[in-house]
Amino acid sequence: MKKGLHPENYRLVVFKDMSNDEVFLSKSTAETKDTIEYEGQEFPLIKMEISSTSHPFYTGKTKLVDTAGRVDKFMNKYKKFSK
């Protein structure tokens, strides 16, 4: 294995799904300035828009994830073609 190729800064990080407030602890090298208290200790926090606890494939429920109003823009643009 080549030296200096793989990251050395693996650490415990809390990932938070912002759509349903689910949190889990894992190791990561991702950089963040946010922190959170989890099980009595403080960890770096990585915020996610979707995870396996909220993804339609895993939950079996369809859910519209619209962070920038794209669906509304599309509907308004093509409203004139609807009958």
C-alpha atoms as a PDB file:
ATOM      1  CA  MET A   1       0.000   0.000   0.000  1.00  0.00           C
ATOM      2  CA  LYS A   2       1.360   3.447  -0.923  1.00  0.00           C
ATOM      3  CA  LYS A   3       2.180   5.734   1.969  1.00  0.00           C
ATOM      4  CA  GLY A   4       0.385   9.092   2.206  1.00  0.00           C
ATOM      5  CA  LEU A   5      -2.413   7.990  -0.117  1.00  0.00           C
ATOM      6  CA  HIS A   6      -5.134   7.308   2.441  1.00  0.00           C
ATOM      7  CA  PRO A   7      -6.441   9.884   4.947  1.00  0.00           C
ATOM      8  CA  GLU A   8      -5.136   9.619   8.493  1.00  0.00           C
ATOM      9  CA  ASN A   9      -7.751  11.777  10.239  1.00  0.00           C
ATOM     10  CA  TYR A  10     -10.575   9.268  10.757  1.00  0.00           C
ATOM     11  CA  ARG A  11     -12.637  10.265  13.771  1.00  0.00           C
ATOM     12  CA  LEU A  12     -16.081   9.643  15.234  1.00  0.00           C
ATOM     13  CA  VAL A  13     -18.701  11.944  13.699  1.00  0.00           C
ATOM     14  CA  VAL A  14     -22.459  12.279  14.237  1.00  0.00           C
ATOM     15  CA  PHE A  15     -24.552  12.351  11.051  1.00  0.00           C
ATOM     16  CA  LYS A  16     -27.965  14.045  11.305  1.00  0.00           C
ATOM     17  CA  ASP A  17     -30.756  13.611   8.774  1.00  0.00           C
ATOM     18  CA  MET A  18     -32.342  17.075   8.649  1.00  0.00           C
ATOM     19  CA  SER A  19     -35.643  15.798   7.211  1.00  0.00           C
ATOM     20  CA  ASN A  20     -36.518  13.613  10.226  1.00  0.00           C
ATOM     21  CA  ASP A  21     -33.897  14.515  12.895  1.00  0.00           C
ATOM     22  CA  GLU A  22     -32.501  10.950  12.967  1.00  0.00           C
ATOM     23  CA  VAL A  23     -28.870  10.826  14.179  1.00  0.00           C
ATOM     24  CA  PHE A  24     -26.215   8.121  14.053  1.00  0.00           C
ATOM     25  CA  LEU A  25     -22.541   7.833  14.958  1.00  0.00           C
ATOM     26  CA  SER A  26     -19.907   6.695  12.472  1.00  0.00           C
ATOM     27  CA  LYS A  27     -16.305   7.359  11.496  1.00  0.00           C
ATOM     28  CA  SER A  28     -15.524   9.938   8.824  1.00  0.00           C
ATOM     29  CA  THR A  29     -12.856  12.273   7.492  1.00  0.00           C
ATOM     30  CA  ALA A  30     -15.374  14.930   6.390  1.00  0.00           C
ATOM     31  CA  GLU A  31     -14.602  18.433   7.657  1.00  0.00           C
ATOM     32  CA  THR A  32     -17.192  20.380   9.648  1.00  0.00           C
ATOM     33  CA  LYS A  33     -17.348  23.250  12.107  1.00  0.00           C
ATOM     34  CA  ASP A  34     -20.649  22.163  13.690  1.00  0.00           C
ATOM     35  CA  THR A  35     -20.754  20.071  16.849  1.00  0.00           C
ATOM     36  CA  ILE A  36     -23.467  18.199  18.727  1.00  0.00           C
ATOM     37  CA  GLU A  37     -23.784  16.482  22.075  1.00  0.00           C
ATOM     38  CA  TYR A  38     -24.568  12.803  21.564  1.00  0.00           C
ATOM     39  CA  GLU A  39     -24.845  10.288  24.417  1.00  0.00           C
ATOM     40  CA  GLY A  40     -23.110  12.656  26.830  1.00  0.00           C
ATOM     41  CA  GLN A  41     -20.126  13.480  24.596  1.00  0.00           C
ATOM     42  CA  GLU A  42     -19.498  16.222  22.045  1.00  0.00           C
ATOM     43  CA  PHE A  43     -18.843  15.148  18.446  1.00  0.00           C
ATOM     44  CA  PRO A  44     -18.467  16.903  15.076  1.00  0.00           C
ATOM     45  CA  LEU A  45     -21.806  17.118  13.225  1.00  0.00           C
ATOM     46  CA  ILE A  46     -22.437  16.393   9.541  1.00  0.00           C
ATOM     47  CA  LYS A  47     -25.900  17.500   8.334  1.00  0.00           C
ATOM     48  CA  MET A  48     -27.565  15.465   5.567  1.00  0.00           C
ATOM     49  CA  GLU A  49     -30.728  16.132   3.580  1.00  0.00           C
ATOM     50  CA  ILE A  50     -31.616  12.435   3.218  1.00  0.00           C
ATOM     51  CA  SER A  51     -30.464   9.126   4.691  1.00  0.00           C
ATOM     52  CA  SER A  52     -31.636   5.522   4.796  1.00  0.00           C
ATOM     53  CA  THR A  53     -34.183   6.471   7.488  1.00  0.00           C
ATOM     54  CA  SER A  54     -35.933   8.939   5.163  1.00  0.00           C
ATOM     55  CA  HIS A  55     -35.130   7.671   1.635  1.00  0.00           C
ATOM     56  CA  PRO A  56     -38.211   6.339  -0.212  1.00  0.00           C
ATOM     57  CA  PHE A  57     -36.371   3.177  -1.310  1.00  0.00           C
ATOM     58  CA  TYR A  58     -35.803   2.120   2.309  1.00  0.00           C
ATOM     59  CA  THR A  59     -39.025   3.454   3.844  1.00  0.00           C
ATOM     60  CA  GLY A  60     -41.434   2.373   1.103  1.00  0.00           C
ATOM     61  CA  LYS A  61     -43.086   5.809   1.218  1.00  0.00           C
ATOM     62  CA  THR A  62     -42.808   8.470  -1.439  1.00  0.00           C
ATOM     63  CA  LYS A  63     -41.655  11.817  -0.170  1.00  0.00           C
ATOM     64  CA  LEU A  64     -41.077  15.011  -2.086  1.00  0.00           C
ATOM     65  CA  VAL A  65     -37.720  16.572  -1.277  1.00  0.00           C
ATOM     66  CA  ASP A  66     -37.793  20.132  -2.602  1.00  0.00           C
ATOM     67  CA  THR A  67     -35.056  22.360  -1.213  1.00  0.00           C
ATOM     68  CA  ALA A  68     -35.143  25.175  -3.747  1.00  0.00           C
ATOM     69  CA  GLY A  69     -38.755  25.442  -4.918  1.00  0.00           C
ATOM     70  CA  ARG A  70     -37.993  23.588  -8.142  1.00  0.00           C
ATOM     71  CA  VAL A  71     -41.284  21.722  -8.183  1.00  0.00           C
ATOM     72  CA  ASP A  72     -43.281  24.943  -7.805  1.00  0.00           C
ATOM     73  CA  LYS A  73     -41.324  26.575 -10.623  1.00  0.00           C
ATOM     74  CA  PHE A  74     -41.986  23.574 -12.861  1.00  0.00           C
ATOM     75  CA  MET A  75     -45.705  23.480 -12.044  1.00  0.00           C
ATOM     76  CA  ASN A  76     -46.125  27.218 -12.694  1.00  0.00           C
ATOM     77  CA  LYS A  77     -44.194  27.010 -15.952  1.00  0.00           C
ATOM     78  CA  TYR A  78     -46.318  24.183 -17.383  1.00  0.00           C
ATOM     79  CA  LYS A  79     -49.676  25.142 -15.829  1.00  0.00           C
ATOM     80  CA  LYS A  80     -50.805  26.687 -19.133  1.00  0.00           C
ATOM     81  CA  PHE A  81     -50.629  23.258 -20.845  1.00  0.00           C
ATOM     82  CA  SER A  82     -52.918  21.509 -18.352  1.00  0.00           C
ATOM     83  CA  LYS A  83     -56.602  21.095 -19.210  1.00  0.00           C
END
